[in-house]
Amino acid sequence: MSINKVILVGNVGKDPVVRYFDKGVAKATFPLATSETYTNQQGETITTTEWHNIVLWRSLAEVAEKTVKKGSQLYIVGKIKTRSYVDKDGNNKYITEILADTMLVLEKKQGQGSYGQQADGSKNDTSNRKPSSPEINEPGAAYQAGGEKPGSNNDEFGSGGPFASDIPGQNEDDLPF
């Protein structure tokens, strides 16, 4: 058995570049930065940054085109893919990309932490959730899964909280991350 799964939380380095192919298939690409901070033996704080090439397809790319901007903080779940190509000088080049199947936009609004928009490539779902508020912010009709009406409280996230214990009939082992 083998597993190829990546989970990243980082900041978008550039606005997504979205291209449309045959039959309206969308592809979005953008760089995502993840940083790690530590203190070395001399007591200096060191920050290292890794850059990741993110690729989104179809409806997830369309959602990114509307919601993701430079500086946005994202939660990404996907897989690592390395591909090769020949440049204009005839040299073989390799590029490593993260093919994302889940994206969650993490936003801070007016000084309080809140969860932004989630888009899952397999569900085509976007939800606004606040972990400490009893009020549920329903997504627009275009992002509703299963044709539910906006304003109904029958969404799959139940109370609107971000944890498995907040999802009726779900436990942590059932979640995709």
N, C-alpha and C. Protein backbone atom coordinates (compact mmCIF):
# COMPACT_ATOMS: atom_id res chain seq x y z
N MET A 1 0.84 -1.18 0.00
CA MET A 1 0.00 0.00 0.00
C MET A 1 0.88 1.24 0.00
N SER A 2 0.43 2.29 -0.68
CA SER A 2 1.15 3.55 -0.65
C SER A 2 0.15 4.70 -0.59
N ILE A 3 0.60 5.81 -0.05
CA ILE A 3 -0.26 6.99 0.11
C ILE A 3 0.49 8.21 -0.40
N ASN A 4 -0.17 9.02 -1.18
CA ASN A 4 0.37 10.28 -1.67
C ASN A 4 -0.62 11.36 -1.26
N LYS A 5 -0.41 11.98 -0.10
CA LYS A 5 -1.34 12.98 0.41
C LYS A 5 -0.55 14.13 1.01
N VAL A 6 -0.97 15.35 0.67
CA VAL A 6 -0.31 16.55 1.15
C VAL A 6 -1.36 17.44 1.81
N ILE A 7 -1.04 17.99 2.97
CA ILE A 7 -1.88 18.98 3.64
C ILE A 7 -1.02 20.21 3.88
N LEU A 8 -1.45 21.35 3.35
CA LEU A 8 -0.69 22.59 3.47
C LEU A 8 -1.59 23.70 4.00
N VAL A 9 -1.03 24.55 4.85
CA VAL A 9 -1.66 25.80 5.24
C VAL A 9 -0.63 26.88 4.98
N GLY A 10 -0.96 27.81 4.08
CA GLY A 10 0.01 28.84 3.73
C GLY A 10 -0.66 30.02 3.06
N ASN A 11 0.17 30.93 2.58
CA ASN A 11 -0.31 32.16 1.95
C ASN A 11 -0.04 32.16 0.46
N VAL A 12 -1.01 32.64 -0.30
CA VAL A 12 -0.92 32.69 -1.75
C VAL A 12 0.07 33.77 -2.16
N GLY A 13 1.01 33.43 -3.06
CA GLY A 13 2.04 34.36 -3.49
C GLY A 13 1.64 35.25 -4.64
N LYS A 14 0.73 34.79 -5.51
CA LYS A 14 0.24 35.56 -6.66
C LYS A 14 -1.22 35.21 -6.88
N ASP A 15 -1.96 36.12 -7.51
CA ASP A 15 -3.33 35.81 -7.88
C ASP A 15 -3.33 34.57 -8.79
N PRO A 16 -4.33 33.71 -8.68
CA PRO A 16 -4.39 32.52 -9.54
C PRO A 16 -4.45 32.87 -11.02
N VAL A 17 -3.77 32.06 -11.82
CA VAL A 17 -3.87 32.16 -13.28
C VAL A 17 -4.82 31.05 -13.70
N VAL A 18 -5.94 31.45 -14.33
CA VAL A 18 -6.96 30.47 -14.71
C VAL A 18 -7.01 30.40 -16.23
N ARG A 19 -6.95 29.15 -16.74
CA ARG A 19 -7.06 28.91 -18.18
C ARG A 19 -8.23 27.96 -18.41
N TYR A 20 -8.92 28.17 -19.53
CA TYR A 20 -10.05 27.30 -19.88
C TYR A 20 -9.67 26.50 -21.11
N PHE A 21 -9.95 25.19 -21.06
CA PHE A 21 -9.63 24.27 -22.14
C PHE A 21 -10.91 23.80 -22.82
N ASP A 22 -10.79 22.77 -23.65
CA ASP A 22 -11.94 22.22 -24.36
C ASP A 22 -13.09 21.92 -23.41
N LYS A 23 -14.28 22.16 -23.88
CA LYS A 23 -15.52 21.89 -23.14
C LYS A 23 -15.59 22.68 -21.81
N GLY A 24 -14.88 23.80 -21.72
CA GLY A 24 -14.98 24.66 -20.55
C GLY A 24 -14.25 24.18 -19.31
N VAL A 25 -13.35 23.23 -19.45
CA VAL A 25 -12.59 22.72 -18.30
C VAL A 25 -11.60 23.80 -17.85
N ALA A 26 -11.67 24.16 -16.56
CA ALA A 26 -10.82 25.21 -16.01
C ALA A 26 -9.63 24.62 -15.26
N LYS A 27 -8.49 25.32 -15.35
CA LYS A 27 -7.29 24.96 -14.59
C LYS A 27 -6.74 26.23 -13.96
N ALA A 28 -6.56 26.22 -12.64
CA ALA A 28 -6.00 27.37 -11.93
C ALA A 28 -4.65 26.97 -11.35
N THR A 29 -3.68 27.87 -11.45
CA THR A 29 -2.36 27.63 -10.87
C THR A 29 -1.94 28.87 -10.09
N PHE A 30 -1.24 28.64 -8.99
CA PHE A 30 -0.69 29.74 -8.19
C PHE A 30 0.34 29.18 -7.21
N PRO A 31 1.27 30.03 -6.75
CA PRO A 31 2.24 29.60 -5.74
C PRO A 31 1.67 29.79 -4.33
N LEU A 32 2.03 28.87 -3.44
CA LEU A 32 1.61 28.94 -2.04
C LEU A 32 2.86 28.85 -1.18
N ALA A 33 3.01 29.76 -0.23
CA ALA A 33 4.17 29.78 0.66
C ALA A 33 3.81 29.21 2.03
N THR A 34 4.64 28.30 2.52
CA THR A 34 4.51 27.82 3.89
C THR A 34 5.80 28.19 4.61
N SER A 35 5.68 28.66 5.84
CA SER A 35 6.84 29.11 6.60
C SER A 35 6.96 28.35 7.90
N GLU A 36 8.20 28.17 8.32
CA GLU A 36 8.51 27.51 9.59
C GLU A 36 9.47 28.41 10.34
N THR A 37 9.19 28.65 11.60
CA THR A 37 10.04 29.51 12.43
C THR A 37 10.59 28.70 13.59
N TYR A 38 11.89 28.88 13.85
CA TYR A 38 12.53 28.20 14.97
C TYR A 38 13.63 29.09 15.51
N THR A 39 14.11 28.76 16.71
CA THR A 39 15.21 29.49 17.34
C THR A 39 16.44 28.61 17.31
N ASN A 40 17.55 29.15 16.78
CA ASN A 40 18.78 28.37 16.70
C ASN A 40 19.54 28.41 18.02
N GLN A 41 20.69 27.77 18.08
CA GLN A 41 21.46 27.68 19.32
C GLN A 41 21.96 29.03 19.82
N GLN A 42 22.09 29.99 18.93
CA GLN A 42 22.54 31.33 19.32
C GLN A 42 21.37 32.20 19.78
N GLY A 43 20.16 31.68 19.79
CA GLY A 43 18.99 32.42 20.23
C GLY A 43 18.35 33.27 19.15
N GLU A 44 18.81 33.13 17.92
CA GLU A 44 18.24 33.89 16.81
C GLU A 44 16.99 33.18 16.29
N THR A 45 16.00 33.96 15.95
CA THR A 45 14.79 33.41 15.37
C THR A 45 14.99 33.30 13.86
N ILE A 46 14.84 32.10 13.34
CA ILE A 46 15.05 31.83 11.93
C ILE A 46 13.72 31.40 11.31
N THR A 47 13.38 32.01 10.18
CA THR A 47 12.18 31.63 9.44
C THR A 47 12.59 31.12 8.07
N THR A 48 12.12 29.93 7.72
CA THR A 48 12.37 29.38 6.39
C THR A 48 11.03 29.26 5.66
N THR A 49 11.05 29.55 4.38
CA THR A 49 9.83 29.51 3.57
C THR A 49 10.00 28.53 2.43
N GLU A 50 9.00 27.68 2.24
CA GLU A 50 8.94 26.75 1.10
C GLU A 50 7.84 27.24 0.18
N TRP A 51 8.10 27.20 -1.12
CA TRP A 51 7.10 27.58 -2.12
C TRP A 51 6.58 26.33 -2.81
N HIS A 52 5.26 26.25 -2.96
CA HIS A 52 4.60 25.10 -3.56
C HIS A 52 3.79 25.56 -4.77
N ASN A 53 3.86 24.83 -5.86
CA ASN A 53 3.07 25.12 -7.06
C ASN A 53 1.73 24.39 -6.93
N ILE A 54 0.64 25.14 -6.79
CA ILE A 54 -0.68 24.56 -6.59
C ILE A 54 -1.42 24.52 -7.92
N VAL A 55 -2.09 23.40 -8.20
CA VAL A 55 -2.89 23.23 -9.42
C VAL A 55 -4.29 22.78 -9.01
N LEU A 56 -5.29 23.50 -9.50
CA LEU A 56 -6.69 23.17 -9.26
C LEU A 56 -7.38 22.97 -10.60
N TRP A 57 -8.30 22.01 -10.67
CA TRP A 57 -9.01 21.73 -11.91
C TRP A 57 -10.51 21.91 -11.74
N ARG A 58 -11.19 22.14 -12.85
CA ARG A 58 -12.65 22.17 -12.99
C ARG A 58 -13.32 23.16 -12.03
N SER A 59 -14.33 22.73 -11.30
CA SER A 59 -15.10 23.64 -10.46
C SER A 59 -14.27 24.24 -9.34
N LEU A 60 -13.29 23.49 -8.85
CA LEU A 60 -12.42 24.02 -7.80
C LEU A 60 -11.59 25.19 -8.34
N ALA A 61 -11.17 25.11 -9.59
CA ALA A 61 -10.44 26.22 -10.23
C ALA A 61 -11.35 27.43 -10.39
N GLU A 62 -12.61 27.20 -10.74
CA GLU A 62 -13.54 28.31 -10.90
C GLU A 62 -13.82 29.01 -9.57
N VAL A 63 -13.91 28.23 -8.49
CA VAL A 63 -14.10 28.81 -7.15
C VAL A 63 -12.87 29.63 -6.78
N ALA A 64 -11.68 29.11 -7.05
CA ALA A 64 -10.44 29.83 -6.74
C ALA A 64 -10.37 31.14 -7.51
N GLU A 65 -10.81 31.13 -8.75
CA GLU A 65 -10.79 32.34 -9.57
C GLU A 65 -11.60 33.46 -8.92
N LYS A 66 -12.69 33.09 -8.24
CA LYS A 66 -13.57 34.08 -7.63
C LYS A 66 -13.17 34.45 -6.21
N THR A 67 -12.51 33.55 -5.48
CA THR A 67 -12.29 33.78 -4.04
C THR A 67 -10.85 33.94 -3.61
N VAL A 68 -9.88 33.43 -4.38
CA VAL A 68 -8.48 33.44 -3.94
C VAL A 68 -7.75 34.63 -4.54
N LYS A 69 -7.05 35.34 -3.68
CA LYS A 69 -6.24 36.49 -4.10
C LYS A 69 -4.86 36.39 -3.45
N LYS A 70 -3.91 37.15 -3.98
CA LYS A 70 -2.58 37.20 -3.39
C LYS A 70 -2.71 37.57 -1.92
N GLY A 71 -2.02 36.82 -1.06
CA GLY A 71 -2.06 37.07 0.37
C GLY A 71 -3.09 36.24 1.11
N SER A 72 -4.06 35.64 0.41
CA SER A 72 -5.06 34.80 1.08
C SER A 72 -4.38 33.64 1.78
N GLN A 73 -4.91 33.28 2.94
CA GLN A 73 -4.41 32.10 3.63
C GLN A 73 -5.31 30.93 3.27
N LEU A 74 -4.69 29.83 2.82
CA LEU A 74 -5.44 28.67 2.36
C LEU A 74 -5.05 27.41 3.11
N TYR A 75 -6.00 26.51 3.23
CA TYR A 75 -5.80 25.14 3.68
C TYR A 75 -6.01 24.30 2.42
N ILE A 76 -4.99 23.54 2.03
CA ILE A 76 -5.02 22.75 0.80
C ILE A 76 -4.78 21.28 1.13
N VAL A 77 -5.58 20.40 0.54
CA VAL A 77 -5.34 18.96 0.61
C VAL A 77 -5.22 18.46 -0.82
N GLY A 78 -4.20 17.67 -1.09
CA GLY A 78 -4.01 17.15 -2.45
C GLY A 78 -2.93 16.10 -2.49
N LYS A 79 -2.31 15.97 -3.66
CA LYS A 79 -1.24 15.00 -3.82
C LYS A 79 -0.08 15.62 -4.59
N ILE A 80 1.11 15.09 -4.39
CA ILE A 80 2.31 15.56 -5.07
C ILE A 80 2.40 14.90 -6.44
N LYS A 81 2.68 15.70 -7.44
CA LYS A 81 2.85 15.20 -8.80
C LYS A 81 4.08 15.87 -9.40
N THR A 82 5.00 15.09 -9.94
CA THR A 82 6.17 15.63 -10.63
C THR A 82 6.03 15.31 -12.10
N ARG A 83 6.24 16.32 -12.93
CA ARG A 83 6.18 16.12 -14.37
C ARG A 83 7.43 16.70 -15.00
N SER A 84 7.69 16.28 -16.21
CA SER A 84 8.87 16.78 -16.91
C SER A 84 8.46 17.38 -18.25
N TYR A 85 9.30 18.27 -18.75
CA TYR A 85 9.08 18.87 -20.06
C TYR A 85 10.44 19.26 -20.63
N VAL A 86 10.47 19.57 -21.90
CA VAL A 86 11.70 20.00 -22.57
C VAL A 86 11.58 21.49 -22.83
N ASP A 87 12.55 22.28 -22.34
CA ASP A 87 12.49 23.72 -22.54
C ASP A 87 12.91 24.09 -23.96
N LYS A 88 12.89 25.38 -24.27
CA LYS A 88 13.16 25.84 -25.63
C LYS A 88 14.60 25.56 -26.07
N ASP A 89 15.51 25.32 -25.11
CA ASP A 89 16.90 25.00 -25.43
C ASP A 89 17.14 23.50 -25.54
N GLY A 90 16.07 22.70 -25.38
CA GLY A 90 16.20 21.25 -25.49
C GLY A 90 16.60 20.55 -24.20
N ASN A 91 16.60 21.27 -23.08
CA ASN A 91 16.96 20.68 -21.79
C ASN A 91 15.73 20.09 -21.11
N ASN A 92 15.91 18.94 -20.47
CA ASN A 92 14.83 18.33 -19.69
C ASN A 92 14.67 19.11 -18.39
N LYS A 93 13.45 19.50 -18.09
CA LYS A 93 13.12 20.22 -16.86
C LYS A 93 12.08 19.43 -16.09
N TYR A 94 12.11 19.56 -14.78
CA TYR A 94 11.16 18.87 -13.91
C TYR A 94 10.48 19.90 -13.02
N ILE A 95 9.20 19.68 -12.78
CA ILE A 95 8.44 20.57 -11.91
C ILE A 95 7.58 19.70 -10.98
N THR A 96 7.58 20.08 -9.70
CA THR A 96 6.76 19.38 -8.72
C THR A 96 5.58 20.26 -8.37
N GLU A 97 4.39 19.69 -8.46
CA GLU A 97 3.16 20.44 -8.21
C GLU A 97 2.31 19.72 -7.18
N ILE A 98 1.43 20.47 -6.56
CA ILE A 98 0.43 19.91 -5.66
C ILE A 98 -0.90 19.96 -6.39
N LEU A 99 -1.44 18.79 -6.74
CA LEU A 99 -2.77 18.70 -7.37
C LEU A 99 -3.80 18.68 -6.24
N ALA A 100 -4.44 19.80 -6.03
CA ALA A 100 -5.35 19.95 -4.90
C ALA A 100 -6.73 19.39 -5.22
N ASP A 101 -7.31 18.69 -4.25
CA ASP A 101 -8.69 18.24 -4.39
C ASP A 101 -9.60 18.88 -3.35
N THR A 102 -9.01 19.55 -2.36
CA THR A 102 -9.78 20.28 -1.35
C THR A 102 -9.08 21.60 -1.07
N MET A 103 -9.88 22.67 -0.95
CA MET A 103 -9.33 23.98 -0.64
C MET A 103 -10.27 24.67 0.35
N LEU A 104 -9.69 25.27 1.37
CA LEU A 104 -10.45 26.03 2.35
C LEU A 104 -9.78 27.38 2.48
N VAL A 105 -10.53 28.46 2.23
CA VAL A 105 -9.99 29.81 2.37
C VAL A 105 -10.16 30.20 3.84
N LEU A 106 -9.05 30.50 4.49
CA LEU A 106 -9.07 30.90 5.90
C LEU A 106 -8.95 32.42 5.95
N GLU A 107 -9.94 33.07 6.52
CA GLU A 107 -9.95 34.53 6.56
C GLU A 107 -10.14 35.00 7.99
N LYS A 108 -9.54 36.13 8.30
CA LYS A 108 -9.79 36.79 9.57
C LYS A 108 -10.60 38.03 9.27
N LYS A 109 -11.76 38.14 9.91
CA LYS A 109 -12.65 39.27 9.65
C LYS A 109 -12.81 40.09 10.92
N GLN A 110 -12.54 41.38 10.84
CA GLN A 110 -12.74 42.33 11.91
C GLN A 110 -12.20 41.85 13.25
N GLY A 111 -10.96 41.37 13.26
CA GLY A 111 -10.29 41.03 14.50
C GLY A 111 -10.64 39.69 15.10
N GLN A 112 -11.57 38.95 14.52
CA GLN A 112 -11.88 37.64 15.07
C GLN A 112 -11.62 36.57 14.02
N GLY A 113 -11.14 35.43 14.46
CA GLY A 113 -10.86 34.34 13.54
C GLY A 113 -12.16 33.72 13.07
N SER A 114 -12.24 33.45 11.78
CA SER A 114 -13.41 32.75 11.26
C SER A 114 -12.98 31.90 10.09
N TYR A 115 -13.79 30.93 9.79
CA TYR A 115 -13.48 30.06 8.68
C TYR A 115 -14.15 30.60 7.45
N GLY A 116 -13.44 30.62 6.34
CA GLY A 116 -13.94 31.18 5.10
C GLY A 116 -14.64 30.15 4.26
N GLN A 117 -14.20 30.01 3.04
CA GLN A 117 -14.91 29.19 2.08
C GLN A 117 -14.18 27.91 1.81
N GLN A 118 -14.93 26.82 1.77
CA GLN A 118 -14.35 25.51 1.49
C GLN A 118 -14.85 25.07 0.14
N ALA A 119 -13.94 24.52 -0.64
CA ALA A 119 -14.33 23.94 -1.91
C ALA A 119 -13.66 22.59 -2.02
N ASP A 120 -14.44 21.57 -2.23
CA ASP A 120 -13.93 20.22 -2.36
C ASP A 120 -14.22 19.77 -3.77
N GLY A 121 -13.20 19.39 -4.50
CA GLY A 121 -13.36 19.02 -5.90
C GLY A 121 -14.36 17.90 -6.10
N SER A 122 -14.50 17.00 -5.15
CA SER A 122 -15.41 15.88 -5.33
C SER A 122 -16.85 16.25 -4.97
N LYS A 123 -17.05 17.30 -4.17
CA LYS A 123 -18.39 17.65 -3.74
C LYS A 123 -18.89 18.96 -4.33
N ASN A 124 -17.99 19.78 -4.86
CA ASN A 124 -18.34 21.11 -5.38
C ASN A 124 -19.14 21.87 -4.33
N ASP A 125 -18.60 21.99 -3.11
CA ASP A 125 -19.27 22.55 -1.96
C ASP A 125 -18.46 23.72 -1.41
N THR A 126 -19.13 24.80 -1.06
CA THR A 126 -18.48 25.92 -0.39
C THR A 126 -19.33 26.29 0.80
N SER A 127 -18.71 26.47 1.97
CA SER A 127 -19.44 26.79 3.18
C SER A 127 -18.72 27.87 3.95
N ASN A 128 -19.47 28.75 4.57
CA ASN A 128 -18.90 29.73 5.50
C ASN A 128 -19.22 29.25 6.89
N ARG A 129 -18.18 29.16 7.75
CA ARG A 129 -18.40 28.63 9.08
C ARG A 129 -17.66 29.47 10.10
N LYS A 130 -18.25 29.66 11.26
CA LYS A 130 -17.60 30.32 12.39
C LYS A 130 -17.63 29.35 13.55
N PRO A 131 -16.47 29.03 14.15
CA PRO A 131 -16.43 28.02 15.18
C PRO A 131 -17.11 28.43 16.48
N SER A 132 -17.19 29.72 16.82
CA SER A 132 -17.72 30.10 18.11
C SER A 132 -19.08 30.77 18.04
N SER A 133 -19.67 30.88 16.89
CA SER A 133 -20.94 31.57 16.72
C SER A 133 -22.05 30.57 16.43
N PRO A 134 -23.22 30.73 17.09
CA PRO A 134 -24.32 29.82 16.81
C PRO A 134 -24.98 30.10 15.46
N GLU A 135 -24.71 31.25 14.87
CA GLU A 135 -25.30 31.61 13.58
C GLU A 135 -24.58 30.89 12.45
N ILE A 136 -25.33 30.39 11.48
CA ILE A 136 -24.76 29.69 10.34
C ILE A 136 -24.82 30.61 9.13
N ASN A 137 -23.68 30.83 8.49
CA ASN A 137 -23.65 31.60 7.26
C ASN A 137 -23.74 30.64 6.10
N GLU A 138 -24.86 30.64 5.41
CA GLU A 138 -25.06 29.72 4.30
C GLU A 138 -24.36 30.22 3.05
N PRO A 139 -23.81 29.33 2.23
CA PRO A 139 -23.19 29.74 0.98
C PRO A 139 -24.25 30.11 -0.06
N GLY A 140 -23.80 30.77 -1.11
CA GLY A 140 -24.70 31.10 -2.21
C GLY A 140 -25.18 29.85 -2.91
N ALA A 141 -26.29 29.95 -3.62
CA ALA A 141 -26.90 28.80 -4.28
C ALA A 141 -25.96 28.12 -5.26
N ALA A 142 -25.05 28.88 -5.89
CA ALA A 142 -24.16 28.29 -6.88
C ALA A 142 -23.22 27.26 -6.26
N TYR A 143 -22.98 27.36 -4.96
CA TYR A 143 -22.04 26.45 -4.32
C TYR A 143 -22.72 25.43 -3.42
N GLN A 144 -24.06 25.35 -3.47
CA GLN A 144 -24.77 24.38 -2.66
C GLN A 144 -24.59 22.98 -3.20
N ALA A 145 -24.34 22.04 -2.33
CA ALA A 145 -24.25 20.64 -2.73
C ALA A 145 -25.63 20.02 -2.65
N GLY A 146 -25.97 19.17 -3.60
CA GLY A 146 -27.20 18.41 -3.55
C GLY A 146 -28.46 19.24 -3.78
N GLY A 147 -28.33 20.44 -4.30
CA GLY A 147 -29.49 21.25 -4.64
C GLY A 147 -30.30 21.74 -3.45
N GLU A 148 -29.70 21.85 -2.26
CA GLU A 148 -30.44 22.35 -1.11
C GLU A 148 -30.71 23.83 -1.27
N LYS A 149 -31.78 24.30 -0.65
CA LYS A 149 -32.12 25.70 -0.71
C LYS A 149 -31.26 26.48 0.27
N PRO A 150 -30.78 27.66 -0.13
CA PRO A 150 -30.06 28.50 0.83
C PRO A 150 -30.95 28.82 2.01
N GLY A 151 -30.36 28.82 3.20
CA GLY A 151 -31.11 29.12 4.40
C GLY A 151 -31.60 27.88 5.12
N SER A 152 -31.56 26.73 4.48
CA SER A 152 -31.98 25.51 5.17
C SER A 152 -30.87 25.08 6.10
N ASN A 153 -31.24 24.49 7.21
CA ASN A 153 -30.23 24.04 8.18
C ASN A 153 -29.90 22.57 8.01
N ASN A 154 -30.10 22.05 6.82
CA ASN A 154 -29.84 20.64 6.57
C ASN A 154 -28.49 20.43 5.91
N ASP A 155 -27.58 21.40 6.07
CA ASP A 155 -26.27 21.23 5.43
C ASP A 155 -25.48 20.15 6.15
N GLU A 156 -24.49 19.61 5.46
CA GLU A 156 -23.75 18.48 6.02
C GLU A 156 -22.88 18.86 7.20
N PHE A 157 -22.75 20.18 7.49
CA PHE A 157 -21.91 20.60 8.60
C PHE A 157 -22.72 20.87 9.85
N GLY A 158 -24.00 20.60 9.83
CA GLY A 158 -24.82 20.69 11.02
C GLY A 158 -24.74 22.05 11.69
N SER A 159 -24.04 22.13 12.82
CA SER A 159 -23.99 23.35 13.60
C SER A 159 -23.08 24.40 13.01
N GLY A 160 -22.37 24.09 11.94
CA GLY A 160 -21.50 25.08 11.32
C GLY A 160 -20.11 25.08 11.91
N GLY A 161 -19.81 24.21 12.87
CA GLY A 161 -18.48 24.16 13.47
C GLY A 161 -17.50 23.42 12.59
N PRO A 162 -16.19 23.64 12.80
CA PRO A 162 -15.20 23.06 11.92
C PRO A 162 -14.71 21.67 12.31
N PHE A 163 -15.27 21.08 13.35
CA PHE A 163 -14.72 19.83 13.85
C PHE A 163 -15.67 18.67 13.61
N ALA A 164 -15.11 17.46 13.58
CA ALA A 164 -15.90 16.26 13.31
C ALA A 164 -17.03 16.10 14.33
N SER A 165 -16.79 16.50 15.58
CA SER A 165 -17.81 16.35 16.60
C SER A 165 -19.01 17.25 16.34
N ASP A 166 -18.84 18.27 15.46
CA ASP A 166 -19.93 19.17 15.11
C ASP A 166 -20.76 18.66 13.95
N ILE A 167 -20.37 17.57 13.31
CA ILE A 167 -21.08 17.05 12.15
C ILE A 167 -21.94 15.88 12.60
N PRO A 168 -23.27 16.02 12.53
CA PRO A 168 -24.14 14.94 12.99
C PRO A 168 -23.86 13.65 12.22
N GLY A 169 -23.76 12.55 12.95
CA GLY A 169 -23.56 11.25 12.32
C GLY A 169 -22.15 11.02 11.79
N GLN A 170 -21.23 11.92 12.08
CA GLN A 170 -19.86 11.78 11.58
C GLN A 170 -18.91 11.63 12.78
N ASN A 171 -17.82 10.95 12.53
CA ASN A 171 -16.74 10.96 13.51
C ASN A 171 -15.46 11.30 12.78
N GLU A 172 -14.37 11.52 13.49
CA GLU A 172 -13.14 11.98 12.88
C GLU A 172 -12.61 11.03 11.82
N ASP A 173 -12.87 9.73 11.95
CA ASP A 173 -12.35 8.75 10.99
C ASP A 173 -13.05 8.85 9.63
N ASP A 174 -14.23 9.49 9.58
CA ASP A 174 -14.96 9.61 8.33
C ASP A 174 -14.53 10.81 7.50
N LEU A 175 -13.78 11.74 8.10
CA LEU A 175 -13.40 12.96 7.38
C LEU A 175 -12.25 12.70 6.43
N PRO A 176 -12.18 13.48 5.32
CA PRO A 176 -11.16 13.25 4.31
C PRO A 176 -9.78 13.76 4.69
N PHE A 177 -9.62 14.32 5.90
CA PHE A 177 -8.31 14.82 6.31
C PHE A 177 -8.02 14.47 7.73
